[in-house]
Amino acid sequence: MILAGDDPALDMTNTENDTEMLKEAEETHLHSMAKAHDLLEMWQISHNLPATQKESGAQNKQMPAVRYIFGH
């Protein structure tokens, strides 16, 4: 029979093990938050893209007049 005190990995009083487990949990949480942030950012870009393309098209239509005025 293995008792918790016989194995440091199973010893719940082992503060070093607790600290390591907390650190791993925090890293996992931060990684998940970063992935969620990236997904939200991609979603926002994909929804802003049509408006940006429309605005860009309107600017491009104005360019010939600007080129004509300034001789470029």
C-alpha atoms as a PDB file:
ATOM      1  CA  MET A   1       0.000   0.000   0.000  1.00  0.00           C
ATOM      2  CA  ILE A   2       1.347   3.441  -0.970  1.00  0.00           C
ATOM      3  CA  LEU A   3       0.652   6.283   1.404  1.00  0.00           C
ATOM      4  CA  ALA A   4       0.538   9.920   0.307  1.00  0.00           C
ATOM      5  CA  GLY A   5       3.553  10.699   2.473  1.00  0.00           C
ATOM      6  CA  ASP A   6       5.616   8.020   0.700  1.00  0.00           C
ATOM      7  CA  ASP A   7       5.428   9.697  -2.710  1.00  0.00           C
ATOM      8  CA  PRO A   8       6.175  13.451  -2.996  1.00  0.00           C
ATOM      9  CA  ALA A   9       3.913  13.694  -6.059  1.00  0.00           C
ATOM     10  CA  LEU A  10       0.981  12.409  -3.977  1.00  0.00           C
ATOM     11  CA  ASP A  11       1.842  14.323  -0.809  1.00  0.00           C
ATOM     12  CA  MET A  12      -0.762  17.106  -0.511  1.00  0.00           C
ATOM     13  CA  THR A  13       1.370  18.836   2.118  1.00  0.00           C
ATOM     14  CA  ASN A  14       4.195  19.240  -0.379  1.00  0.00           C
ATOM     15  CA  THR A  15       4.135  22.993  -1.054  1.00  0.00           C
ATOM     16  CA  GLU A  16       6.654  22.691  -3.887  1.00  0.00           C
ATOM     17  CA  ASN A  17       4.277  20.323  -5.687  1.00  0.00           C
ATOM     18  CA  ASP A  18       1.335  22.662  -5.000  1.00  0.00           C
ATOM     19  CA  THR A  19       3.279  25.623  -6.356  1.00  0.00           C
ATOM     20  CA  GLU A  20       4.184  23.719  -9.514  1.00  0.00           C
ATOM     21  CA  MET A  21       0.578  22.628 -10.051  1.00  0.00           C
ATOM     22  CA  LEU A  22      -0.661  26.201  -9.577  1.00  0.00           C
ATOM     23  CA  LYS A  23       1.966  27.471 -12.021  1.00  0.00           C
ATOM     24  CA  GLU A  24       0.903  24.906 -14.640  1.00  0.00           C
ATOM     25  CA  ALA A  25      -2.764  25.777 -14.138  1.00  0.00           C
ATOM     26  CA  GLU A  26      -2.015  29.485 -14.519  1.00  0.00           C
ATOM     27  CA  GLU A  27       0.005  28.867 -17.699  1.00  0.00           C
ATOM     28  CA  THR A  28      -2.839  26.784 -19.129  1.00  0.00           C
ATOM     29  CA  HIS A  29      -5.337  29.531 -18.252  1.00  0.00           C
ATOM     30  CA  LEU A  30      -3.157  32.244 -19.812  1.00  0.00           C
ATOM     31  CA  HIS A  31      -2.680  30.142 -22.948  1.00  0.00           C
ATOM     32  CA  SER A  32      -6.458  29.671 -23.235  1.00  0.00           C
ATOM     33  CA  MET A  33      -7.029  33.403 -22.790  1.00  0.00           C
ATOM     34  CA  ALA A  34      -4.450  34.171 -25.493  1.00  0.00           C
ATOM     35  CA  LYS A  35      -6.159  31.757 -27.895  1.00  0.00           C
ATOM     36  CA  ALA A  36      -9.542  33.335 -27.159  1.00  0.00           C
ATOM     37  CA  HIS A  37      -8.087  36.803 -27.722  1.00  0.00           C
ATOM     38  CA  ASP A  38      -6.620  35.708 -31.061  1.00  0.00           C
ATOM     39  CA  LEU A  39      -9.968  34.248 -32.147  1.00  0.00           C
ATOM     40  CA  LEU A  40     -11.822  37.429 -31.186  1.00  0.00           C
ATOM     41  CA  GLU A  41      -9.270  39.535 -33.027  1.00  0.00           C
ATOM     42  CA  MET A  42      -9.610  37.407 -36.180  1.00  0.00           C
ATOM     43  CA  TRP A  43     -13.409  37.642 -35.927  1.00  0.00           C
ATOM     44  CA  GLN A  44     -13.239  41.416 -35.580  1.00  0.00           C
ATOM     45  CA  ILE A  45     -10.887  41.725 -38.563  1.00  0.00           C
ATOM     46  CA  SER A  46     -13.131  39.514 -40.702  1.00  0.00           C
ATOM     47  CA  HIS A  47     -16.163  41.663 -39.856  1.00  0.00           C
ATOM     48  CA  ASN A  48     -14.319  44.933 -40.444  1.00  0.00           C
ATOM     49  CA  LEU A  49     -12.785  43.776 -43.729  1.00  0.00           C
ATOM     50  CA  PRO A  50     -15.836  44.406 -45.976  1.00  0.00           C
ATOM     51  CA  ALA A  51     -16.167  47.972 -44.635  1.00  0.00           C
ATOM     52  CA  THR A  52     -12.433  48.540 -45.115  1.00  0.00           C
ATOM     53  CA  GLN A  53     -12.599  47.206 -48.680  1.00  0.00           C
ATOM     54  CA  LYS A  54     -15.611  49.387 -49.450  1.00  0.00           C
ATOM     55  CA  GLU A  55     -13.820  52.459 -48.058  1.00  0.00           C
ATOM     56  CA  SER A  56     -10.688  51.601 -50.013  1.00  0.00           C
ATOM     57  CA  GLY A  57     -12.718  51.293 -53.222  1.00  0.00           C
ATOM     58  CA  ALA A  58     -14.256  54.719 -52.639  1.00  0.00           C
ATOM     59  CA  GLN A  59     -10.799  56.225 -52.101  1.00  0.00           C
ATOM     60  CA  ASN A  60      -9.484  54.590 -55.266  1.00  0.00           C
ATOM     61  CA  LYS A  61     -12.355  56.120 -57.271  1.00  0.00           C
ATOM     62  CA  GLN A  62     -11.320  59.557 -55.989  1.00  0.00           C
ATOM     63  CA  MET A  63      -7.649  59.081 -56.853  1.00  0.00           C
ATOM     64  CA  PRO A  64      -7.848  59.836 -60.611  1.00  0.00           C
ATOM     65  CA  ALA A  65      -9.269  63.282 -59.857  1.00  0.00           C
ATOM     66  CA  VAL A  66      -6.515  63.959 -57.335  1.00  0.00           C
ATOM     67  CA  ARG A  67      -3.860  62.779 -59.805  1.00  0.00           C
ATOM     68  CA  TYR A  68      -5.333  65.030 -62.492  1.00  0.00           C
ATOM     69  CA  ILE A  69      -5.334  68.080 -60.200  1.00  0.00           C
ATOM     70  CA  PHE A  70      -1.749  67.603 -59.047  1.00  0.00           C
ATOM     71  CA  GLY A  71      -0.436  66.303 -62.370  1.00  0.00           C
ATOM     72  CA  HIS A  72       0.822  62.905 -61.184  1.00  0.00           C
END
